[in-house]
Amino acid sequence: MTIESTRAAVTWPRRLAWGALALFLAAFAVFESAKYGLPTTAAALAFFVLPDAARLAGARLPGPLHQAVHRVWIPLVVLVGYSFGPIVWPPLFTAGLSWLTRIAIDRTFGRRPPSSRPGREASHDLGGTVS
């Protein structure tokens, strides 16, 4: 069994899980938007397009801003912090939901951040040559 066939065998369950999570998060974001009105819907839409807005604002592929808007941990911290913290502002929670939904959709279709792609570590060597 080659590395490629093993990677392909692991990829489809992972993509299926990301797809299921994306559907759940999207439904939850729509529910929250309908429940709390226009400010919540605006926050959801704004954070859903955040990765594209960061790219259009000049965030390039290996840059820290590009990597930050594609990481799962940031919107996850927003959601958990909102759930257990003292802040009560529904647009914040819905923004985290829609941002995480966008990341889950990207991962479902195979678009991952550069540092998590297989084989990217070797392309960042300092000398440029392989010894």
Protein backbone atom coordinates (compact mmCIF):
# COMPACT_ATOMS: atom_id res chain seq x y z
CA MET A 1 0.00 0.00 0.00
CA THR A 2 1.45 3.34 -1.00
CA ILE A 3 1.31 6.60 0.88
CA GLU A 4 -1.07 8.07 -1.72
CA SER A 5 -3.58 5.22 -1.37
CA THR A 6 -3.43 5.47 2.43
CA ARG A 7 -3.94 9.23 2.24
CA ALA A 8 -6.93 8.75 -0.10
CA ALA A 9 -8.45 6.19 2.28
CA VAL A 10 -8.20 8.65 5.15
CA THR A 11 -9.38 11.61 3.09
CA TRP A 12 -12.95 10.60 2.29
CA PRO A 13 -14.06 9.93 5.91
CA ARG A 14 -12.43 13.19 6.96
CA ARG A 15 -14.17 15.10 4.18
CA LEU A 16 -17.46 13.43 5.05
CA ALA A 17 -17.07 14.48 8.68
CA TRP A 18 -16.20 18.06 7.69
CA GLY A 19 -19.24 18.10 5.38
CA ALA A 20 -21.57 16.92 8.14
CA LEU A 21 -20.13 19.53 10.49
CA ALA A 22 -20.57 22.22 7.82
CA LEU A 23 -24.24 21.30 7.36
CA PHE A 24 -24.88 21.35 11.11
CA LEU A 25 -23.09 24.67 11.62
CA ALA A 26 -24.84 26.26 8.65
CA ALA A 27 -28.25 25.19 9.95
CA PHE A 28 -27.37 26.48 13.42
CA ALA A 29 -26.18 29.82 12.00
CA VAL A 30 -29.38 30.22 9.96
CA PHE A 31 -31.44 29.40 13.06
CA GLU A 32 -29.57 31.99 15.14
CA SER A 33 -29.86 34.58 12.36
CA ALA A 34 -33.61 34.06 12.06
CA LYS A 35 -34.02 34.15 15.82
CA TYR A 36 -32.06 37.35 16.53
CA GLY A 37 -32.59 39.40 13.38
CA LEU A 38 -30.62 41.67 11.10
CA PRO A 39 -27.46 42.43 13.17
CA THR A 40 -26.91 38.72 13.67
CA THR A 41 -27.47 38.00 9.98
CA ALA A 42 -25.04 40.76 9.00
CA ALA A 43 -22.38 39.36 11.35
CA ALA A 44 -22.94 35.86 9.98
CA LEU A 45 -22.55 37.00 6.38
CA ALA A 46 -19.52 39.15 7.15
CA PHE A 47 -17.65 36.36 8.88
CA PHE A 48 -18.68 33.80 6.28
CA VAL A 49 -16.81 35.82 3.64
CA LEU A 50 -13.91 36.65 5.99
CA PRO A 51 -11.39 34.28 4.35
CA ASP A 52 -12.13 35.78 0.93
CA ALA A 53 -12.06 39.32 2.31
CA ALA A 54 -8.65 38.67 3.86
CA ARG A 55 -7.36 37.39 0.54
CA LEU A 56 -8.76 40.40 -1.31
CA ALA A 57 -7.21 42.71 1.30
CA GLY A 58 -3.79 41.39 0.37
CA ALA A 59 -3.21 38.43 2.69
CA ARG A 60 -0.94 36.12 0.74
CA LEU A 61 -0.67 32.36 1.08
CA PRO A 62 2.16 31.88 3.58
CA GLY A 63 1.29 35.03 5.57
CA PRO A 64 0.07 35.03 9.18
CA LEU A 65 -3.25 36.75 8.35
CA HIS A 66 -4.07 34.16 5.69
CA GLN A 67 -3.27 31.34 8.10
CA ALA A 68 -5.21 32.94 10.96
CA VAL A 69 -8.48 33.23 9.04
CA HIS A 70 -8.25 29.58 7.95
CA ARG A 71 -7.58 28.05 11.38
CA VAL A 72 -10.33 26.18 13.20
CA TRP A 73 -9.16 27.17 16.66
CA ILE A 74 -9.95 30.88 16.47
CA PRO A 75 -13.70 30.61 15.75
CA LEU A 76 -13.87 27.62 18.08
CA VAL A 77 -12.43 29.71 20.92
CA VAL A 78 -14.99 32.42 20.10
CA LEU A 79 -17.84 29.89 20.31
CA VAL A 80 -16.66 28.23 23.53
CA GLY A 81 -15.77 31.56 25.13
CA TYR A 82 -19.19 32.95 24.27
CA SER A 83 -20.95 29.83 25.55
CA PHE A 84 -19.23 29.83 28.93
CA GLY A 85 -18.34 33.51 29.32
CA PRO A 86 -20.25 36.51 30.62
CA ILE A 87 -20.73 38.14 27.19
CA VAL A 88 -24.29 38.07 25.87
CA TRP A 89 -24.27 39.40 22.31
CA PRO A 90 -25.78 36.98 19.76
CA PRO A 91 -24.03 38.46 16.67
CA LEU A 92 -20.68 37.39 18.14
CA PHE A 93 -21.82 33.78 18.51
CA THR A 94 -23.36 33.68 15.04
CA ALA A 95 -20.21 35.21 13.55
CA GLY A 96 -18.18 32.38 15.09
CA LEU A 97 -20.67 29.84 13.74
CA SER A 98 -20.53 31.16 10.21
CA TRP A 99 -16.72 31.52 10.25
CA LEU A 100 -16.39 27.90 11.38
CA THR A 101 -18.97 26.91 8.75
CA ARG A 102 -16.83 28.48 6.05
CA ILE A 103 -13.72 26.68 7.28
CA ALA A 104 -15.64 23.38 7.38
CA ILE A 105 -16.86 23.93 3.80
CA ASP A 106 -13.31 24.65 2.64
CA ARG A 107 -12.03 21.51 4.35
CA THR A 108 -14.88 19.47 2.85
CA PHE A 109 -13.74 20.40 -0.63
CA GLY A 110 -10.08 19.77 0.18
CA ARG A 111 -8.85 23.34 0.64
CA ARG A 112 -6.60 23.36 3.68
CA PRO A 113 -4.10 25.89 5.05
CA PRO A 114 -0.62 25.58 3.53
CA SER A 115 1.10 24.33 6.67
CA SER A 116 -1.27 21.37 7.00
CA ARG A 117 -0.81 20.15 3.44
CA PRO A 118 1.27 16.99 3.10
CA GLY A 119 4.73 17.56 1.72
CA ARG A 120 4.83 21.31 2.38
CA GLU A 121 7.48 21.02 5.10
CA ALA A 122 10.15 19.95 2.61
CA SER A 123 9.56 22.93 0.34
CA HIS A 124 10.48 25.42 3.06
CA ASP A 125 14.11 24.39 3.54
CA LEU A 126 16.57 27.23 4.02
CA GLY A 127 19.26 26.24 1.60
CA GLY A 128 17.06 25.43 -1.35
CA THR A 129 18.97 22.21 -2.02
CA VAL A 130 18.48 18.69 -0.86
CA SER A 131 21.55 16.95 0.42
